Amino acid sequence: MARHRIKVAITGRGATPELVPIEVLAETLAHVGKAVLANLDPCLELPEGATIGLVAIEESSDGLVLSVPDRLVPTVALISQAIDNEDFSGLSEPGVSALRNLSSTLEKHEWSFQVAENREHDIRHVRIEYSHLPPPPDKGVPIRGSTTVFGRCLRVGGAKKPKAEIRSSSTGEILYADLSEEIAKELGKLLYEEVILEGAAVWDSATWQIQEFRISRVTAYRQTDPVLAFKELSEASHGKWGDVDAPEYVRSLRSENR
């Protein structure tokens, strides 16, 4: 497994190797690791030993040298670009939270964290400071229940813990779902197709976004001719709507709601 060296630094008055407490250094590096892993594609299976390590401490402006597996380097680049552009929409909330914790840890000492530019890997020179990060979202009470999701299956993967990547047809957002190996095999046959997924979900009551979703049943979406669908509805109603003028009925509903 190829690894690459990326330079970072704790900067500020007194932020020298001999004066930075070892517990602060360890906590800082732990937050860095969490920020990277939290923004990693959940469907990407990392090989054993794919961790970020500290390989050198130098007396320079870029004093810490990290050893990063090649599969994690694009995520480091993504984070540096988000900070440089002040656009965090492409990062996960747990990943941004780890950056907040990183900055908060160093802010107590009036220090900051910097990532050195690495043009080969599209990593930008950035300084991570709490004031530049988006505020934490309002936390709602988690609500659990059953639901049905209609969307397009983009990816299914993961040997130890299968995950599915679904693009919601109603919102366009990407949803990462848990599922069993048996259902993963079934869903794998429907890649890039519209699917109907039933399962258990956890919603954030503040945003009503699905935070967790576990698929229990998969159904391929079958598109129906609208004319045929209305015909079947008419037959199912046994003529009860036969005398209703549809346009006039809709107009009356609209006028009542004004």
C-alpha atoms as a PDB file:
ATOM      1  CA  MET A   1       0.000   0.000   0.000  1.00  0.00           C
ATOM      2  CA  ALA A   2       1.545   3.283  -1.156  1.00  0.00           C
ATOM      3  CA  ARG A   3       1.883   6.101   1.375  1.00  0.00           C
ATOM      4  CA  HIS A   4       2.598   9.796   0.948  1.00  0.00           C
ATOM      5  CA  ARG A   5       4.153  12.400   3.219  1.00  0.00           C
ATOM      6  CA  ILE A   6       2.083  15.497   3.980  1.00  0.00           C
ATOM      7  CA  LYS A   7       3.410  18.386   6.040  1.00  0.00           C
ATOM      8  CA  VAL A   8       1.280  20.103   8.672  1.00  0.00           C
ATOM      9  CA  ALA A   9       2.092  22.380  11.590  1.00  0.00           C
ATOM     10  CA  ILE A  10       0.900  23.706  14.928  1.00  0.00           C
ATOM     11  CA  THR A  11       1.648  27.434  14.710  1.00  0.00           C
ATOM     12  CA  GLY A  12       1.605  30.371  17.080  1.00  0.00           C
ATOM     13  CA  ARG A  13       3.748  31.875  19.828  1.00  0.00           C
ATOM     14  CA  GLY A  14       5.596  29.142  21.695  1.00  0.00           C
ATOM     15  CA  ALA A  15       4.343  26.377  19.394  1.00  0.00           C
ATOM     16  CA  THR A  16       7.711  24.648  19.153  1.00  0.00           C
ATOM     17  CA  PRO A  17       8.281  20.880  19.450  1.00  0.00           C
ATOM     18  CA  GLU A  18       9.748  21.157  22.936  1.00  0.00           C
ATOM     19  CA  LEU A  19       6.925  23.374  24.251  1.00  0.00           C
ATOM     20  CA  VAL A  20       3.850  21.669  22.785  1.00  0.00           C
ATOM     21  CA  PRO A  21       2.595  19.218  25.467  1.00  0.00           C
ATOM     22  CA  ILE A  22       2.524  15.665  24.220  1.00  0.00           C
ATOM     23  CA  GLU A  23      -1.140  15.265  25.224  1.00  0.00           C
ATOM     24  CA  VAL A  24      -2.054  18.318  23.073  1.00  0.00           C
ATOM     25  CA  LEU A  25      -0.121  16.870  20.146  1.00  0.00           C
ATOM     26  CA  ALA A  26      -1.854  13.500  20.539  1.00  0.00           C
ATOM     27  CA  GLU A  27      -5.305  15.116  20.798  1.00  0.00           C
ATOM     28  CA  THR A  28      -4.589  17.295  17.756  1.00  0.00           C
ATOM     29  CA  LEU A  29      -3.554  14.349  15.606  1.00  0.00           C
ATOM     30  CA  ALA A  30      -6.589  12.347  16.793  1.00  0.00           C
ATOM     31  CA  HIS A  31      -8.902  15.142  15.567  1.00  0.00           C
ATOM     32  CA  VAL A  32      -7.052  15.243  12.241  1.00  0.00           C
ATOM     33  CA  GLY A  33      -7.559  11.508  11.777  1.00  0.00           C
ATOM     34  CA  LYS A  34     -11.261  11.742  12.655  1.00  0.00           C
ATOM     35  CA  ALA A  35     -11.777  14.637  10.212  1.00  0.00           C
ATOM     36  CA  VAL A  36     -10.266  12.631   7.361  1.00  0.00           C
ATOM     37  CA  LEU A  37     -12.032   9.337   8.089  1.00  0.00           C
ATOM     38  CA  ALA A  38     -15.405  11.044   8.656  1.00  0.00           C
ATOM     39  CA  ASN A  39     -15.217  12.537   5.152  1.00  0.00           C
ATOM     40  CA  LEU A  40     -14.154   9.308   3.495  1.00  0.00           C
ATOM     41  CA  ASP A  41     -16.560   7.623   1.098  1.00  0.00           C
ATOM     42  CA  PRO A  42     -18.504   5.132   3.306  1.00  0.00           C
ATOM     43  CA  CYS A  43     -18.552   2.611   0.445  1.00  0.00           C
ATOM     44  CA  LEU A  44     -14.748   2.631   0.199  1.00  0.00           C
ATOM     45  CA  GLU A  45     -13.245  -0.408   1.903  1.00  0.00           C
ATOM     46  CA  LEU A  46      -9.880   0.491   3.449  1.00  0.00           C
ATOM     47  CA  PRO A  47      -7.190  -2.186   3.684  1.00  0.00           C
ATOM     48  CA  GLU A  48      -5.756  -3.250   7.024  1.00  0.00           C
ATOM     49  CA  GLY A  49      -3.316  -0.682   8.426  1.00  0.00           C
ATOM     50  CA  ALA A  50      -4.688   2.244   6.421  1.00  0.00           C
ATOM     51  CA  THR A  51      -4.088   4.788   9.183  1.00  0.00           C
ATOM     52  CA  ILE A  52      -2.471   8.211   9.340  1.00  0.00           C
ATOM     53  CA  GLY A  53       0.846   8.187  11.184  1.00  0.00           C
ATOM     54  CA  LEU A  54       3.321  10.769  12.456  1.00  0.00           C
ATOM     55  CA  VAL A  55       6.755  10.047  11.007  1.00  0.00           C
ATOM     56  CA  ALA A  56       8.747  13.200  11.807  1.00  0.00           C
ATOM     57  CA  ILE A  57       8.829  16.373  13.901  1.00  0.00           C
ATOM     58  CA  GLU A  58      10.967  19.099  12.371  1.00  0.00           C
ATOM     59  CA  GLU A  59      12.134  22.523  13.584  1.00  0.00           C
ATOM     60  CA  SER A  60      10.486  24.421  10.746  1.00  0.00           C
ATOM     61  CA  SER A  61       7.307  26.200   9.767  1.00  0.00           C
ATOM     62  CA  ASP A  62       5.931  22.838   8.597  1.00  0.00           C
ATOM     63  CA  GLY A  63       7.073  20.942  11.638  1.00  0.00           C
ATOM     64  CA  LEU A  64       4.930  17.774  11.552  1.00  0.00           C
ATOM     65  CA  VAL A  65       5.244  15.191   8.809  1.00  0.00           C
ATOM     66  CA  LEU A  66       2.323  12.785   8.421  1.00  0.00           C
ATOM     67  CA  SER A  67       2.357   9.505   6.539  1.00  0.00           C
ATOM     68  CA  VAL A  68      -0.972   9.163   4.728  1.00  0.00           C
ATOM     69  CA  PRO A  69      -2.197   6.102   2.731  1.00  0.00           C
ATOM     70  CA  ASP A  70      -2.838   6.924  -0.916  1.00  0.00           C
ATOM     71  CA  ARG A  71      -6.566   6.215  -0.551  1.00  0.00           C
ATOM     72  CA  LEU A  72      -6.873   8.950   2.084  1.00  0.00           C
ATOM     73  CA  VAL A  73      -4.898  11.628   0.222  1.00  0.00           C
ATOM     74  CA  PRO A  74      -7.866  12.782  -1.961  1.00  0.00           C
ATOM     75  CA  THR A  75      -9.884  13.310   1.236  1.00  0.00           C
ATOM     76  CA  VAL A  76      -7.117  15.475   2.712  1.00  0.00           C
ATOM     77  CA  ALA A  77      -7.178  17.488  -0.531  1.00  0.00           C
ATOM     78  CA  LEU A  78     -10.981  17.789  -0.335  1.00  0.00           C
ATOM     79  CA  ILE A  79     -10.794  19.160   3.217  1.00  0.00           C
ATOM     80  CA  SER A  80      -8.067  21.683   2.310  1.00  0.00           C
ATOM     81  CA  GLN A  81     -10.108  22.907  -0.668  1.00  0.00           C
ATOM     82  CA  ALA A  82     -13.250  23.275   1.452  1.00  0.00           C
ATOM     83  CA  ILE A  83     -11.363  25.377   4.021  1.00  0.00           C
ATOM     84  CA  ASP A  84      -9.687  27.481   1.321  1.00  0.00           C
ATOM     85  CA  ASN A  85     -13.010  28.162  -0.437  1.00  0.00           C
ATOM     86  CA  GLU A  86     -14.943  28.500   2.850  1.00  0.00           C
ATOM     87  CA  ASP A  87     -17.481  26.106   1.366  1.00  0.00           C
ATOM     88  CA  PHE A  88     -18.116  23.090   3.596  1.00  0.00           C
ATOM     89  CA  SER A  89     -21.150  21.722   1.759  1.00  0.00           C
ATOM     90  CA  GLY A  90     -19.076  18.829   0.412  1.00  0.00           C
ATOM     91  CA  LEU A  91     -17.953  17.700   3.876  1.00  0.00           C
ATOM     92  CA  SER A  92     -19.871  15.578   6.354  1.00  0.00           C
ATOM     93  CA  GLU A  93     -21.055  17.162   9.593  1.00  0.00           C
ATOM     94  CA  PRO A  94     -19.010  14.680  11.726  1.00  0.00           C
ATOM     95  CA  GLY A  95     -15.968  15.674   9.665  1.00  0.00           C
ATOM     96  CA  VAL A  96     -16.553  19.401  10.185  1.00  0.00           C
ATOM     97  CA  SER A  97     -17.187  18.715  13.882  1.00  0.00           C
ATOM     98  CA  ALA A  98     -13.742  17.093  14.109  1.00  0.00           C
ATOM     99  CA  LEU A  99     -12.225  20.243  12.563  1.00  0.00           C
ATOM    100  CA  ARG A 100     -14.037  22.362  15.164  1.00  0.00           C
ATOM    101  CA  ASN A 101     -12.638  20.177  17.935  1.00  0.00           C
ATOM    102  CA  LEU A 102      -9.165  20.410  16.412  1.00  0.00           C
ATOM    103  CA  SER A 103      -9.303  24.200  16.306  1.00  0.00           C
ATOM    104  CA  SER A 104     -10.871  24.445  19.765  1.00  0.00           C
ATOM    105  CA  THR A 105      -8.079  22.323  21.286  1.00  0.00           C
ATOM    106  CA  LEU A 106      -5.373  24.643  19.932  1.00  0.00           C
ATOM    107  CA  GLU A 107      -7.320  27.875  20.467  1.00  0.00           C
ATOM    108  CA  LYS A 108      -6.896  27.442  24.235  1.00  0.00           C
ATOM    109  CA  HIS A 109      -3.159  28.026  23.696  1.00  0.00           C
ATOM    110  CA  GLU A 110      -3.713  30.707  21.011  1.00  0.00           C
ATOM    111  CA  TRP A 111      -2.333  28.304  18.425  1.00  0.00           C
ATOM    112  CA  SER A 112      -3.694  27.221  15.065  1.00  0.00           C
ATOM    113  CA  PHE A 113      -3.226  24.312  12.679  1.00  0.00           C
ATOM    114  CA  GLN A 114      -1.858  24.627   9.161  1.00  0.00           C
ATOM    115  CA  VAL A 115      -1.641  22.276   6.208  1.00  0.00           C
ATOM    116  CA  ALA A 116       1.235  22.828   3.774  1.00  0.00           C
ATOM    117  CA  GLU A 117       0.599  23.077   0.054  1.00  0.00           C
ATOM    118  CA  ASN A 118       1.187  19.945  -1.998  1.00  0.00           C
ATOM    119  CA  ARG A 119       0.486  20.643  -5.659  1.00  0.00           C
ATOM    120  CA  GLU A 120       1.094  17.048  -6.689  1.00  0.00           C
ATOM    121  CA  HIS A 121      -1.959  15.963  -4.690  1.00  0.00           C
ATOM    122  CA  ASP A 122      -4.050  19.173  -5.028  1.00  0.00           C
ATOM    123  CA  ILE A 123      -3.627  19.952  -1.330  1.00  0.00           C
ATOM    124  CA  ARG A 124      -3.814  23.676  -0.594  1.00  0.00           C
ATOM    125  CA  HIS A 125      -2.014  25.686   2.060  1.00  0.00           C
ATOM    126  CA  VAL A 126      -4.699  26.479   4.649  1.00  0.00           C
ATOM    127  CA  ARG A 127      -5.011  27.520   8.285  1.00  0.00           C
ATOM    128  CA  ILE A 128      -7.765  25.873  10.310  1.00  0.00           C
ATOM    129  CA  GLU A 129      -9.388  28.302  12.743  1.00  0.00           C
ATOM    130  CA  TYR A 130     -12.652  27.940  14.641  1.00  0.00           C
ATOM    131  CA  SER A 131     -13.985  31.314  13.478  1.00  0.00           C
ATOM    132  CA  HIS A 132     -13.746  30.210   9.830  1.00  0.00           C
ATOM    133  CA  LEU A 133     -15.769  27.027  10.343  1.00  0.00           C
ATOM    134  CA  PRO A 134     -19.569  26.854  10.050  1.00  0.00           C
ATOM    135  CA  PRO A 135     -21.447  26.837  13.388  1.00  0.00           C
ATOM    136  CA  PRO A 136     -22.729  23.516  14.685  1.00  0.00           C
ATOM    137  CA  PRO A 137     -26.248  22.714  13.461  1.00  0.00           C
ATOM    138  CA  ASP A 138     -29.175  22.840  15.857  1.00  0.00           C
ATOM    139  CA  LYS A 139     -29.588  19.388  17.310  1.00  0.00           C
ATOM    140  CA  GLY A 140     -33.045  17.901  17.162  1.00  0.00           C
ATOM    141  CA  VAL A 141     -34.433  14.904  19.014  1.00  0.00           C
ATOM    142  CA  PRO A 142     -33.838  11.686  17.037  1.00  0.00           C
ATOM    143  CA  ILE A 143     -37.061  10.141  15.797  1.00  0.00           C
ATOM    144  CA  ARG A 144     -37.157   6.480  14.797  1.00  0.00           C
ATOM    145  CA  GLY A 145     -39.611   4.698  12.569  1.00  0.00           C
ATOM    146  CA  SER A 146     -40.232   2.808   9.346  1.00  0.00           C
ATOM    147  CA  THR A 147     -40.147   4.506   5.982  1.00  0.00           C
ATOM    148  CA  THR A 148     -39.911   3.946   2.252  1.00  0.00           C
ATOM    149  CA  VAL A 149     -37.244   5.638   0.131  1.00  0.00           C
ATOM    150  CA  PHE A 150     -37.518   6.030  -3.618  1.00  0.00           C
ATOM    151  CA  GLY A 151     -34.249   6.690  -5.416  1.00  0.00           C
ATOM    152  CA  ARG A 152     -31.460   5.527  -7.675  1.00  0.00           C
ATOM    153  CA  CYS A 153     -28.883   3.008  -6.487  1.00  0.00           C
ATOM    154  CA  LEU A 154     -25.411   4.425  -7.227  1.00  0.00           C
ATOM    155  CA  ARG A 155     -23.199   1.998  -5.336  1.00  0.00           C
ATOM    156  CA  VAL A 156     -23.200  -1.045  -3.084  1.00  0.00           C
ATOM    157  CA  GLY A 157     -20.050  -2.234  -1.333  1.00  0.00           C
ATOM    158  CA  GLY A 158     -18.114  -3.163   1.773  1.00  0.00           C
ATOM    159  CA  ALA A 159     -17.139  -6.684   2.766  1.00  0.00           C
ATOM    160  CA  LYS A 160     -17.279  -6.308   6.557  1.00  0.00           C
ATOM    161  CA  LYS A 161     -20.126  -3.811   6.808  1.00  0.00           C
ATOM    162  CA  PRO A 162     -22.081  -3.406   3.539  1.00  0.00           C
ATOM    163  CA  LYS A 163     -23.269   0.084   2.610  1.00  0.00           C
ATOM    164  CA  ALA A 164     -25.463   1.368  -0.195  1.00  0.00           C
ATOM    165  CA  GLU A 165     -25.283   4.803  -1.777  1.00  0.00           C
ATOM    166  CA  ILE A 166     -28.713   6.036  -2.882  1.00  0.00           C
ATOM    167  CA  ARG A 167     -29.650   9.302  -4.567  1.00  0.00           C
ATOM    168  CA  SER A 168     -33.110  10.314  -3.355  1.00  0.00           C
ATOM    169  CA  SER A 169     -35.528  11.034  -6.190  1.00  0.00           C
ATOM    170  CA  SER A 170     -37.459  13.546  -4.077  1.00  0.00           C
ATOM    171  CA  THR A 171     -34.561  15.660  -2.740  1.00  0.00           C
ATOM    172  CA  GLY A 172     -31.583  14.728  -4.922  1.00  0.00           C
ATOM    173  CA  GLU A 173     -29.505  14.182  -1.762  1.00  0.00           C
ATOM    174  CA  ILE A 174     -27.187  11.220  -1.251  1.00  0.00           C
ATOM    175  CA  LEU A 175     -28.230   8.735   1.413  1.00  0.00           C
ATOM    176  CA  TYR A 176     -25.863   6.096   2.806  1.00  0.00           C
ATOM    177  CA  ALA A 177     -27.759   3.070   4.063  1.00  0.00           C
ATOM    178  CA  ASP A 178     -26.828  -0.049   6.020  1.00  0.00           C
ATOM    179  CA  LEU A 179     -27.980  -3.435   4.781  1.00  0.00           C
ATOM    180  CA  SER A 180     -27.309  -7.143   5.140  1.00  0.00           C
ATOM    181  CA  GLU A 181     -25.074  -9.094   2.747  1.00  0.00           C
ATOM    182  CA  GLU A 182     -28.141 -10.860   1.357  1.00  0.00           C
ATOM    183  CA  ILE A 183     -29.906  -7.581   0.529  1.00  0.00           C
ATOM    184  CA  ALA A 184     -26.604  -6.116  -0.783  1.00  0.00           C
ATOM    185  CA  LYS A 185     -26.451  -8.936  -3.344  1.00  0.00           C
ATOM    186  CA  GLU A 186     -30.059  -8.257  -4.322  1.00  0.00           C
ATOM    187  CA  LEU A 187     -29.518  -4.501  -4.607  1.00  0.00           C
ATOM    188  CA  GLY A 188     -26.273  -5.029  -6.531  1.00  0.00           C
ATOM    189  CA  LYS A 189     -28.340  -6.358  -9.435  1.00  0.00           C
ATOM    190  CA  LEU A 190     -30.169  -3.012  -9.619  1.00  0.00           C
ATOM    191  CA  LEU A 191     -27.193  -0.632  -9.896  1.00  0.00           C
ATOM    192  CA  TYR A 192     -28.054   2.676 -11.630  1.00  0.00           C
ATOM    193  CA  GLU A 193     -31.744   1.787 -11.604  1.00  0.00           C
ATOM    194  CA  GLU A 194     -34.666   3.341  -9.750  1.00  0.00           C
ATOM    195  CA  VAL A 195     -35.495   1.340  -6.640  1.00  0.00           C
ATOM    196  CA  ILE A 196     -37.978   1.373  -3.772  1.00  0.00           C
ATOM    197  CA  LEU A 197     -36.346   0.698  -0.405  1.00  0.00           C
ATOM    198  CA  GLU A 198     -38.189  -0.154   2.788  1.00  0.00           C
ATOM    199  CA  GLY A 199     -36.504  -0.035   6.167  1.00  0.00           C
ATOM    200  CA  ALA A 200     -35.922   1.553   9.565  1.00  0.00           C
ATOM    201  CA  ALA A 201     -34.824   5.189   9.707  1.00  0.00           C
ATOM    202  CA  VAL A 202     -33.659   7.776  12.232  1.00  0.00           C
ATOM    203  CA  TRP A 203     -34.631  11.404  11.525  1.00  0.00           C
ATOM    204  CA  ASP A 204     -33.272  14.632  13.015  1.00  0.00           C
ATOM    205  CA  SER A 205     -36.391  16.411  14.273  1.00  0.00           C
ATOM    206  CA  ALA A 206     -34.757  19.830  13.711  1.00  0.00           C
ATOM    207  CA  THR A 207     -34.170  19.286   9.983  1.00  0.00           C
ATOM    208  CA  TRP A 208     -36.260  16.168   9.258  1.00  0.00           C
ATOM    209  CA  GLN A 209     -33.308  14.735   7.389  1.00  0.00           C
ATOM    210  CA  ILE A 210     -32.651  11.022   7.568  1.00  0.00           C
ATOM    211  CA  GLN A 211     -29.577  10.469   9.735  1.00  0.00           C
ATOM    212  CA  GLU A 212     -29.562   6.667   9.596  1.00  0.00           C
ATOM    213  CA  PHE A 213     -31.325   4.168   7.366  1.00  0.00           C
ATOM    214  CA  ARG A 214     -31.195   0.371   7.328  1.00  0.00           C
ATOM    215  CA  ILE A 215     -32.723  -1.363   4.329  1.00  0.00           C
ATOM    216  CA  SER A 216     -34.926  -4.381   5.009  1.00  0.00           C
ATOM    217  CA  ARG A 217     -36.603  -4.808   1.615  1.00  0.00           C
ATOM    218  CA  VAL A 218     -35.772  -3.894  -1.985  1.00  0.00           C
ATOM    219  CA  THR A 219     -38.208  -3.520  -4.851  1.00  0.00           C
ATOM    220  CA  ALA A 220     -37.390  -2.515  -8.405  1.00  0.00           C
ATOM    221  CA  TYR A 221     -39.414   0.502  -9.526  1.00  0.00           C
ATOM    222  CA  ARG A 222     -41.902  -0.280 -12.271  1.00  0.00           C
ATOM    223  CA  GLN A 223     -42.910   2.772 -14.283  1.00  0.00           C
ATOM    224  CA  THR A 224     -46.613   2.840 -15.176  1.00  0.00           C
ATOM    225  CA  ASP A 225     -48.299   4.612 -18.048  1.00  0.00           C
ATOM    226  CA  PRO A 226     -50.247   7.564 -16.454  1.00  0.00           C
ATOM    227  CA  VAL A 227     -53.306   6.841 -18.602  1.00  0.00           C
ATOM    228  CA  LEU A 228     -53.324   3.218 -17.495  1.00  0.00           C
ATOM    229  CA  ALA A 229     -52.817   4.273 -13.855  1.00  0.00           C
ATOM    230  CA  PHE A 230     -55.842   6.611 -13.949  1.00  0.00           C
ATOM    231  CA  LYS A 231     -57.879   3.912 -15.657  1.00  0.00           C
ATOM    232  CA  GLU A 232     -57.041   1.452 -12.894  1.00  0.00           C
ATOM    233  CA  LEU A 233     -57.946   4.058 -10.253  1.00  0.00           C
ATOM    234  CA  SER A 234     -61.267   4.631 -11.986  1.00  0.00           C
ATOM    235  CA  GLU A 235     -62.018   0.924 -12.024  1.00  0.00           C
ATOM    236  CA  ALA A 236     -61.026   0.586  -8.370  1.00  0.00           C
ATOM    237  CA  SER A 237     -63.466   3.348  -7.372  1.00  0.00           C
ATOM    238  CA  HIS A 238     -66.352   1.488  -9.046  1.00  0.00           C
ATOM    239  CA  GLY A 239     -67.599   4.642 -10.787  1.00  0.00           C
ATOM    240  CA  LYS A 240     -67.838   6.818  -7.662  1.00  0.00           C
ATOM    241  CA  TRP A 241     -65.805   9.565  -9.365  1.00  0.00           C
ATOM    242  CA  GLY A 242     -67.443   9.148 -12.754  1.00  0.00           C
ATOM    243  CA  ASP A 243     -69.591  12.295 -12.532  1.00  0.00           C
ATOM    244  CA  VAL A 244     -66.848  14.525 -11.120  1.00  0.00           C
ATOM    245  CA  ASP A 245     -65.464  17.270 -13.377  1.00  0.00           C
ATOM    246  CA  ALA A 246     -61.741  17.014 -12.495  1.00  0.00           C
ATOM    247  CA  PRO A 247     -60.668  20.540 -13.577  1.00  0.00           C
ATOM    248  CA  GLU A 248     -63.623  22.129 -11.805  1.00  0.00           C
ATOM    249  CA  TYR A 249     -62.928  20.084  -8.661  1.00  0.00           C
ATOM    250  CA  VAL A 250     -59.302  21.234  -8.547  1.00  0.00           C
ATOM    251  CA  ARG A 251     -60.348  24.873  -9.084  1.00  0.00           C
ATOM    252  CA  SER A 252     -62.800  24.643  -6.194  1.00  0.00           C
ATOM    253  CA  LEU A 253     -60.092  23.272  -3.894  1.00  0.00           C
ATOM    254  CA  ARG A 254     -57.757  26.108  -4.825  1.00  0.00           C
ATOM    255  CA  SER A 255     -60.406  28.775  -4.220  1.00  0.00           C
ATOM    256  CA  GLU A 256     -61.147  27.354  -0.751  1.00  0.00           C
ATOM    257  CA  ASN A 257     -57.463  27.625   0.203  1.00  0.00           C
ATOM    258  CA  ARG A 258     -57.111  31.287  -0.757  1.00  0.00           C
END
